[in-house]
Amino acid sequence: MNKLTVVVAVILAGGIGVGGWQYLQPEAAPVGHSMASPDTGALAPGAPIATVALPTELSGNAQLGKSIFEAKCADCHGENAAGQNGVAPPLVHKVYEPSHHSDMAFVLAAQNGVRAHHWPFGNMPPVEGVTPGDVKMVIAYVRELQRANGIE
């Protein structure tokens, strides 16, 4: 055998060994987050899920975002983004804090819709008739609501 054949055989055998070792390892627990959605079983259908404290003042962008939110989002996400039991989650909730759901996640959700993954309300469809700029104003509003409720 020449040296090249030996090197290829050693690399191949090593790769098969590593792959086999990984295959035989016990499956790790899924990585996720510890933010659990609240139990909404005692709430009436359509009732607000979160209690939302309002900021004393909204920035200009957040005021514009509030208007857009009320026109395009509140039918599902409720007044002041408090959610509606059985309909849609509250956006004023730790699950939607900036470190877990970035501003871009909101833009993409409005543009493309979202598969249900934190709440049992089903998939969110894309929001018709809003631009990425509109969504950025809504984000300003939601983030100011979140900060007023201790969600940073």
N, C-alpha and C. Protein backbone atom coordinates (compact mmCIF):
# COMPACT_ATOMS: atom_id res chain seq x y z
N MET A 1 0.84 -1.19 0.00
CA MET A 1 0.00 0.00 0.00
C MET A 1 0.88 1.24 0.00
N ASN A 2 0.42 2.25 -0.71
CA ASN A 2 1.19 3.48 -0.67
C ASN A 2 0.69 4.36 0.48
N LYS A 3 1.42 5.42 0.78
CA LYS A 3 1.12 6.28 1.94
C LYS A 3 -0.24 6.97 1.79
N LEU A 4 -0.59 7.37 0.60
CA LEU A 4 -1.87 8.05 0.37
C LEU A 4 -3.04 7.14 0.71
N THR A 5 -2.97 5.89 0.34
CA THR A 5 -4.03 4.93 0.64
C THR A 5 -4.17 4.75 2.14
N VAL A 6 -3.05 4.69 2.84
CA VAL A 6 -3.07 4.52 4.31
C VAL A 6 -3.70 5.75 4.96
N VAL A 7 -3.32 6.95 4.52
CA VAL A 7 -3.87 8.18 5.09
C VAL A 7 -5.38 8.25 4.87
N VAL A 8 -5.83 7.96 3.67
CA VAL A 8 -7.26 7.98 3.36
C VAL A 8 -7.99 6.95 4.22
N ALA A 9 -7.44 5.77 4.38
CA ALA A 9 -8.07 4.72 5.18
C ALA A 9 -8.17 5.13 6.64
N VAL A 10 -7.12 5.77 7.18
CA VAL A 10 -7.14 6.22 8.58
C VAL A 10 -8.20 7.31 8.77
N ILE A 11 -8.25 8.27 7.85
CA ILE A 11 -9.24 9.34 7.96
C ILE A 11 -10.66 8.78 7.85
N LEU A 12 -10.87 7.89 6.93
CA LEU A 12 -12.18 7.27 6.76
C LEU A 12 -12.59 6.48 7.99
N ALA A 13 -11.67 5.69 8.52
CA ALA A 13 -11.96 4.90 9.72
C ALA A 13 -12.24 5.81 10.92
N GLY A 14 -11.48 6.89 11.04
CA GLY A 14 -11.71 7.85 12.13
C GLY A 14 -13.07 8.51 12.02
N GLY A 15 -13.45 8.90 10.81
CA GLY A 15 -14.76 9.52 10.60
C GLY A 15 -15.89 8.58 10.93
N ILE A 16 -15.76 7.34 10.53
CA ILE A 16 -16.79 6.34 10.84
C ILE A 16 -16.85 6.11 12.35
N GLY A 17 -15.69 6.09 12.99
CA GLY A 17 -15.66 5.90 14.45
C GLY A 17 -16.34 7.04 15.20
N VAL A 18 -16.03 8.27 14.80
CA VAL A 18 -16.64 9.44 15.45
C VAL A 18 -18.14 9.46 15.20
N GLY A 19 -18.55 9.21 13.95
CA GLY A 19 -19.98 9.18 13.64
C GLY A 19 -20.71 8.11 14.43
N GLY A 20 -20.13 6.94 14.53
CA GLY A 20 -20.74 5.86 15.30
C GLY A 20 -20.83 6.20 16.77
N TRP A 21 -19.79 6.83 17.32
CA TRP A 21 -19.79 7.21 18.73
C TRP A 21 -20.91 8.23 19.00
N GLN A 22 -21.06 9.23 18.12
CA GLN A 22 -22.11 10.23 18.30
C GLN A 22 -23.50 9.61 18.16
N TYR A 23 -23.63 8.68 17.25
CA TYR A 23 -24.92 8.01 17.04
C TYR A 23 -25.35 7.24 18.28
N LEU A 24 -24.39 6.66 19.00
CA LEU A 24 -24.70 5.83 20.16
C LEU A 24 -24.89 6.63 21.44
N GLN A 25 -24.64 7.93 21.42
CA GLN A 25 -24.82 8.74 22.61
C GLN A 25 -26.31 8.94 22.90
N PRO A 26 -26.67 9.03 24.19
CA PRO A 26 -28.09 9.28 24.50
C PRO A 26 -28.49 10.66 23.97
N GLU A 27 -29.75 10.74 23.55
CA GLU A 27 -30.26 11.99 23.00
C GLU A 27 -30.32 13.03 24.09
N ALA A 28 -29.79 14.21 23.82
CA ALA A 28 -29.81 15.30 24.78
C ALA A 28 -31.21 15.90 24.85
N ALA A 29 -31.52 16.47 26.00
CA ALA A 29 -32.79 17.17 26.14
C ALA A 29 -32.80 18.36 25.19
N PRO A 30 -33.96 18.68 24.62
CA PRO A 30 -34.00 19.81 23.71
C PRO A 30 -33.64 21.11 24.42
N VAL A 31 -32.94 21.96 23.71
CA VAL A 31 -32.57 23.25 24.27
C VAL A 31 -33.73 24.19 24.00
N GLY A 32 -34.14 24.92 25.00
CA GLY A 32 -35.25 25.84 24.83
C GLY A 32 -35.11 26.98 25.81
N HIS A 33 -36.20 27.48 26.28
CA HIS A 33 -36.17 28.56 27.25
C HIS A 33 -37.06 28.18 28.41
N SER A 34 -36.88 28.90 29.50
CA SER A 34 -37.67 28.59 30.69
C SER A 34 -38.89 29.48 30.82
N MET A 35 -39.18 30.26 29.79
CA MET A 35 -40.33 31.15 29.86
C MET A 35 -41.60 30.39 29.51
N ALA A 36 -42.37 30.11 30.51
CA ALA A 36 -43.62 29.37 30.29
C ALA A 36 -44.76 30.35 30.07
N SER A 37 -45.64 30.04 29.14
CA SER A 37 -46.82 30.87 28.98
C SER A 37 -47.77 30.60 30.14
N PRO A 38 -48.53 31.61 30.54
CA PRO A 38 -49.39 31.45 31.71
C PRO A 38 -50.56 30.50 31.43
N ASP A 39 -51.08 29.94 32.49
CA ASP A 39 -52.28 29.10 32.39
C ASP A 39 -53.47 30.04 32.21
N THR A 40 -54.15 29.91 31.09
CA THR A 40 -55.29 30.78 30.80
C THR A 40 -56.62 30.06 30.98
N GLY A 41 -56.58 28.88 31.58
CA GLY A 41 -57.78 28.06 31.72
C GLY A 41 -58.92 28.72 32.48
N ALA A 42 -58.59 29.60 33.42
CA ALA A 42 -59.64 30.24 34.22
C ALA A 42 -60.18 31.51 33.58
N LEU A 43 -59.60 31.93 32.48
CA LEU A 43 -60.05 33.15 31.81
C LEU A 43 -61.18 32.85 30.83
N ALA A 44 -62.08 33.80 30.72
CA ALA A 44 -63.17 33.67 29.75
C ALA A 44 -62.60 33.82 28.34
N PRO A 45 -63.22 33.18 27.36
CA PRO A 45 -62.76 33.36 25.97
C PRO A 45 -62.76 34.84 25.59
N GLY A 46 -61.67 35.29 24.99
CA GLY A 46 -61.55 36.68 24.58
C GLY A 46 -61.09 37.63 25.66
N ALA A 47 -60.97 37.16 26.91
CA ALA A 47 -60.54 38.02 28.01
C ALA A 47 -59.06 38.37 27.84
N PRO A 48 -58.67 39.56 28.32
CA PRO A 48 -57.24 39.90 28.28
C PRO A 48 -56.43 38.88 29.07
N ILE A 49 -55.26 38.56 28.57
CA ILE A 49 -54.40 37.58 29.25
C ILE A 49 -53.46 38.28 30.22
N ALA A 50 -52.96 39.44 29.85
CA ALA A 50 -52.02 40.18 30.69
C ALA A 50 -52.69 41.44 31.22
N THR A 51 -52.24 41.87 32.38
CA THR A 51 -52.62 43.17 32.91
C THR A 51 -51.51 44.12 32.48
N VAL A 52 -51.87 45.14 31.72
CA VAL A 52 -50.87 46.02 31.14
C VAL A 52 -50.96 47.40 31.78
N ALA A 53 -49.84 47.82 32.42
CA ALA A 53 -49.73 49.18 32.93
C ALA A 53 -49.28 50.06 31.77
N LEU A 54 -49.94 51.17 31.58
CA LEU A 54 -49.62 52.06 30.46
C LEU A 54 -48.54 53.05 30.86
N PRO A 55 -47.62 53.36 29.93
CA PRO A 55 -46.61 54.39 30.24
C PRO A 55 -47.29 55.74 30.39
N THR A 56 -46.67 56.62 31.15
CA THR A 56 -47.26 57.95 31.33
C THR A 56 -47.25 58.76 30.04
N GLU A 57 -46.27 58.46 29.18
CA GLU A 57 -46.16 59.18 27.92
C GLU A 57 -45.56 58.24 26.87
N LEU A 58 -46.00 58.38 25.63
CA LEU A 58 -45.45 57.61 24.51
C LEU A 58 -44.64 58.53 23.61
N SER A 59 -43.55 58.01 23.07
CA SER A 59 -42.78 58.76 22.09
C SER A 59 -43.64 58.96 20.84
N GLY A 60 -43.18 59.84 19.95
CA GLY A 60 -43.91 60.08 18.70
C GLY A 60 -44.05 58.81 17.87
N ASN A 61 -42.96 58.03 17.76
CA ASN A 61 -43.02 56.78 17.01
C ASN A 61 -44.00 55.80 17.66
N ALA A 62 -43.98 55.73 18.98
CA ALA A 62 -44.88 54.81 19.67
C ALA A 62 -46.34 55.24 19.53
N GLN A 63 -46.60 56.56 19.50
CA GLN A 63 -47.97 57.03 19.28
C GLN A 63 -48.47 56.61 17.91
N LEU A 64 -47.60 56.76 16.90
CA LEU A 64 -47.95 56.31 15.56
C LEU A 64 -48.14 54.80 15.56
N GLY A 65 -47.24 54.09 16.24
CA GLY A 65 -47.33 52.63 16.34
C GLY A 65 -48.61 52.18 17.03
N LYS A 66 -49.04 52.93 18.03
CA LYS A 66 -50.30 52.59 18.71
C LYS A 66 -51.47 52.67 17.73
N SER A 67 -51.50 53.70 16.89
CA SER A 67 -52.58 53.84 15.91
C SER A 67 -52.58 52.66 14.93
N ILE A 68 -51.39 52.28 14.47
CA ILE A 68 -51.28 51.16 13.54
C ILE A 68 -51.67 49.86 14.25
N PHE A 69 -51.20 49.71 15.49
CA PHE A 69 -51.53 48.52 16.27
C PHE A 69 -53.05 48.38 16.42
N GLU A 70 -53.70 49.48 16.78
CA GLU A 70 -55.15 49.44 16.97
C GLU A 70 -55.88 49.09 15.68
N ALA A 71 -55.36 49.52 14.54
CA ALA A 71 -56.00 49.24 13.25
C ALA A 71 -55.70 47.83 12.74
N LYS A 72 -54.51 47.31 12.98
CA LYS A 72 -54.08 46.07 12.35
C LYS A 72 -53.83 44.89 13.29
N CYS A 73 -53.61 45.15 14.56
CA CYS A 73 -53.16 44.09 15.47
C CYS A 73 -54.11 43.82 16.64
N ALA A 74 -54.81 44.86 17.09
CA ALA A 74 -55.59 44.75 18.32
C ALA A 74 -56.76 43.77 18.20
N ASP A 75 -57.29 43.56 17.00
CA ASP A 75 -58.39 42.60 16.87
C ASP A 75 -57.99 41.23 17.41
N CYS A 76 -56.74 40.89 17.27
CA CYS A 76 -56.25 39.59 17.78
C CYS A 76 -55.48 39.75 19.08
N HIS A 77 -54.49 40.65 19.11
CA HIS A 77 -53.60 40.76 20.26
C HIS A 77 -54.19 41.61 21.39
N GLY A 78 -55.38 42.12 21.21
CA GLY A 78 -56.09 42.81 22.28
C GLY A 78 -55.66 44.25 22.49
N GLU A 79 -56.46 44.92 23.28
CA GLU A 79 -56.18 46.31 23.62
C GLU A 79 -54.87 46.39 24.39
N ASN A 80 -54.03 47.33 24.01
CA ASN A 80 -52.71 47.53 24.63
C ASN A 80 -51.85 46.28 24.63
N ALA A 81 -52.03 45.43 23.64
CA ALA A 81 -51.23 44.21 23.45
C ALA A 81 -51.33 43.26 24.63
N ALA A 82 -52.49 43.25 25.30
CA ALA A 82 -52.70 42.39 26.47
C ALA A 82 -53.09 40.97 26.09
N GLY A 83 -53.25 40.69 24.79
CA GLY A 83 -53.66 39.36 24.34
C GLY A 83 -55.15 39.15 24.54
N GLN A 84 -55.65 38.07 23.97
CA GLN A 84 -57.05 37.68 24.16
C GLN A 84 -57.09 36.18 24.30
N ASN A 85 -57.66 35.72 25.38
CA ASN A 85 -57.70 34.29 25.64
C ASN A 85 -58.40 33.55 24.50
N GLY A 86 -57.70 32.55 23.97
CA GLY A 86 -58.24 31.75 22.89
C GLY A 86 -58.04 32.36 21.52
N VAL A 87 -57.48 33.57 21.45
CA VAL A 87 -57.33 34.25 20.17
C VAL A 87 -55.86 34.46 19.83
N ALA A 88 -55.16 35.23 20.66
CA ALA A 88 -53.75 35.56 20.39
C ALA A 88 -53.07 35.95 21.69
N PRO A 89 -51.77 35.78 21.76
CA PRO A 89 -51.04 36.05 22.99
C PRO A 89 -50.83 37.53 23.27
N PRO A 90 -50.52 37.84 24.52
CA PRO A 90 -50.13 39.21 24.86
C PRO A 90 -48.70 39.46 24.37
N LEU A 91 -48.47 40.61 23.80
CA LEU A 91 -47.10 40.97 23.41
C LEU A 91 -46.38 41.63 24.57
N VAL A 92 -47.13 42.02 25.59
CA VAL A 92 -46.53 42.52 26.82
C VAL A 92 -46.41 41.30 27.74
N HIS A 93 -45.37 40.53 27.46
CA HIS A 93 -45.10 39.28 28.18
C HIS A 93 -43.62 38.99 28.03
N LYS A 94 -43.02 38.37 29.01
CA LYS A 94 -41.60 38.07 29.01
C LYS A 94 -41.17 37.28 27.77
N VAL A 95 -42.05 36.46 27.22
CA VAL A 95 -41.70 35.68 26.02
C VAL A 95 -41.28 36.61 24.88
N TYR A 96 -41.82 37.83 24.84
CA TYR A 96 -41.53 38.74 23.74
C TYR A 96 -40.50 39.81 24.09
N GLU A 97 -39.76 39.61 25.19
CA GLU A 97 -38.72 40.57 25.53
C GLU A 97 -37.69 40.63 24.41
N PRO A 98 -37.01 41.77 24.26
CA PRO A 98 -36.09 41.94 23.13
C PRO A 98 -35.00 40.87 23.03
N SER A 99 -34.56 40.32 24.14
CA SER A 99 -33.50 39.31 24.05
C SER A 99 -34.02 37.96 23.56
N HIS A 100 -35.34 37.78 23.55
CA HIS A 100 -35.89 36.51 23.08
C HIS A 100 -36.57 36.65 21.71
N HIS A 101 -37.26 37.75 21.50
CA HIS A 101 -37.87 38.05 20.20
C HIS A 101 -37.39 39.43 19.78
N SER A 102 -36.44 39.45 18.86
CA SER A 102 -35.87 40.71 18.40
C SER A 102 -36.90 41.52 17.62
N ASP A 103 -36.55 42.77 17.37
CA ASP A 103 -37.43 43.60 16.55
C ASP A 103 -37.64 42.97 15.17
N MET A 104 -36.59 42.36 14.63
CA MET A 104 -36.71 41.73 13.32
C MET A 104 -37.69 40.57 13.36
N ALA A 105 -37.80 39.88 14.49
CA ALA A 105 -38.78 38.79 14.60
C ALA A 105 -40.20 39.33 14.42
N PHE A 106 -40.46 40.53 14.93
CA PHE A 106 -41.78 41.14 14.75
C PHE A 106 -42.00 41.52 13.28
N VAL A 107 -40.97 42.08 12.65
CA VAL A 107 -41.09 42.45 11.24
C VAL A 107 -41.39 41.21 10.40
N LEU A 108 -40.63 40.15 10.63
CA LEU A 108 -40.83 38.92 9.86
C LEU A 108 -42.18 38.28 10.15
N ALA A 109 -42.63 38.36 11.40
CA ALA A 109 -43.93 37.79 11.75
C ALA A 109 -45.05 38.51 10.99
N ALA A 110 -44.98 39.83 10.95
CA ALA A 110 -46.02 40.59 10.24
C ALA A 110 -45.95 40.31 8.73
N GLN A 111 -44.74 40.18 8.22
CA GLN A 111 -44.56 39.98 6.78
C GLN A 111 -44.91 38.57 6.33
N ASN A 112 -44.50 37.57 7.10
CA ASN A 112 -44.62 36.17 6.66
C ASN A 112 -45.59 35.32 7.46
N GLY A 113 -46.07 35.84 8.59
CA GLY A 113 -46.83 35.00 9.51
C GLY A 113 -45.86 34.19 10.37
N VAL A 114 -46.41 33.47 11.33
CA VAL A 114 -45.58 32.70 12.27
C VAL A 114 -46.30 31.40 12.61
N ARG A 115 -45.55 30.32 12.65
CA ARG A 115 -46.08 29.05 13.16
C ARG A 115 -46.17 29.15 14.67
N ALA A 116 -47.26 28.66 15.25
CA ALA A 116 -47.43 28.68 16.70
C ALA A 116 -46.27 27.94 17.35
N HIS A 117 -45.65 28.57 18.37
CA HIS A 117 -44.56 27.90 19.05
C HIS A 117 -44.47 28.21 20.53
N HIS A 118 -45.12 29.21 21.03
CA HIS A 118 -45.11 29.49 22.46
C HIS A 118 -46.50 29.34 23.08
N TRP A 119 -47.51 29.51 22.28
CA TRP A 119 -48.88 29.59 22.77
C TRP A 119 -49.77 28.64 21.97
N PRO A 120 -50.88 28.23 22.54
CA PRO A 120 -51.76 27.27 21.84
C PRO A 120 -52.85 27.93 20.99
N PHE A 121 -52.56 29.08 20.39
CA PHE A 121 -53.59 29.81 19.66
C PHE A 121 -53.58 29.55 18.16
N GLY A 122 -52.69 28.71 17.69
CA GLY A 122 -52.60 28.46 16.26
C GLY A 122 -51.63 29.42 15.59
N ASN A 123 -51.48 29.23 14.30
CA ASN A 123 -50.53 30.03 13.53
C ASN A 123 -51.05 31.44 13.32
N MET A 124 -50.11 32.38 13.23
CA MET A 124 -50.46 33.77 12.92
C MET A 124 -50.27 33.97 11.41
N PRO A 125 -51.30 34.46 10.72
CA PRO A 125 -51.13 34.72 9.28
C PRO A 125 -50.33 36.02 9.08
N PRO A 126 -49.82 36.25 7.88
CA PRO A 126 -49.19 37.54 7.59
C PRO A 126 -50.21 38.66 7.78
N VAL A 127 -49.73 39.83 8.13
CA VAL A 127 -50.61 40.99 8.32
C VAL A 127 -50.64 41.77 7.01
N GLU A 128 -51.80 41.81 6.42
CA GLU A 128 -51.96 42.50 5.14
C GLU A 128 -51.98 44.01 5.34
N GLY A 129 -51.37 44.73 4.41
CA GLY A 129 -51.48 46.18 4.39
C GLY A 129 -50.56 46.92 5.33
N VAL A 130 -49.50 46.27 5.84
CA VAL A 130 -48.53 47.00 6.67
C VAL A 130 -47.15 46.90 6.02
N THR A 131 -46.43 47.98 6.10
CA THR A 131 -45.08 48.02 5.57
C THR A 131 -44.09 47.71 6.70
N PRO A 132 -42.85 47.39 6.37
CA PRO A 132 -41.85 47.22 7.43
C PRO A 132 -41.73 48.48 8.30
N GLY A 133 -41.89 49.66 7.69
CA GLY A 133 -41.86 50.90 8.46
C GLY A 133 -43.02 50.98 9.45
N ASP A 134 -44.21 50.55 9.02
CA ASP A 134 -45.36 50.50 9.93
C ASP A 134 -45.06 49.59 11.12
N VAL A 135 -44.49 48.43 10.81
CA VAL A 135 -44.20 47.46 11.86
C VAL A 135 -43.17 48.03 12.83
N LYS A 136 -42.21 48.78 12.34
CA LYS A 136 -41.21 49.39 13.24
C LYS A 136 -41.88 50.36 14.21
N MET A 137 -42.90 51.07 13.75
CA MET A 137 -43.63 51.96 14.65
C MET A 137 -44.42 51.15 15.69
N VAL A 138 -45.01 50.05 15.25
CA VAL A 138 -45.72 49.15 16.19
C VAL A 138 -44.73 48.60 17.22
N ILE A 139 -43.53 48.25 16.77
CA ILE A 139 -42.51 47.74 17.68
C ILE A 139 -42.17 48.80 18.73
N ALA A 140 -42.04 50.06 18.30
CA ALA A 140 -41.76 51.14 19.26
C ALA A 140 -42.84 51.19 20.33
N TYR A 141 -44.09 51.07 19.92
CA TYR A 141 -45.22 51.06 20.86
C TYR A 141 -45.14 49.86 21.80
N VAL A 142 -44.95 48.67 21.24
CA VAL A 142 -44.91 47.46 22.07
C VAL A 142 -43.73 47.50 23.04
N ARG A 143 -42.57 47.95 22.58
CA ARG A 143 -41.39 48.00 23.45
C ARG A 143 -41.60 49.01 24.58
N GLU A 144 -42.27 50.12 24.30
CA GLU A 144 -42.54 51.09 25.37
C GLU A 144 -43.55 50.52 26.36
N LEU A 145 -44.54 49.77 25.88
CA LEU A 145 -45.47 49.07 26.80
C LEU A 145 -44.70 48.06 27.65
N GLN A 146 -43.83 47.31 27.00
CA GLN A 146 -43.04 46.31 27.73
C GLN A 146 -42.20 46.96 28.83
N ARG A 147 -41.48 48.04 28.49
CA ARG A 147 -40.65 48.70 29.50
C ARG A 147 -41.48 49.21 30.67
N ALA A 148 -42.68 49.74 30.38
CA ALA A 148 -43.55 50.23 31.44
C ALA A 148 -44.01 49.10 32.35
N ASN A 149 -43.88 47.86 31.86
CA ASN A 149 -44.30 46.69 32.64
C ASN A 149 -43.12 45.83 33.09
N GLY A 150 -41.92 46.44 33.11
CA GLY A 150 -40.74 45.77 33.63
C GLY A 150 -40.14 44.73 32.71
N ILE A 151 -40.47 44.76 31.44
CA ILE A 151 -39.92 43.81 30.47
C ILE A 151 -38.88 44.55 29.65
N GLU A 152 -37.64 44.19 29.82
CA GLU A 152 -36.55 44.91 29.13
C GLU A 152 -35.90 43.98 28.17
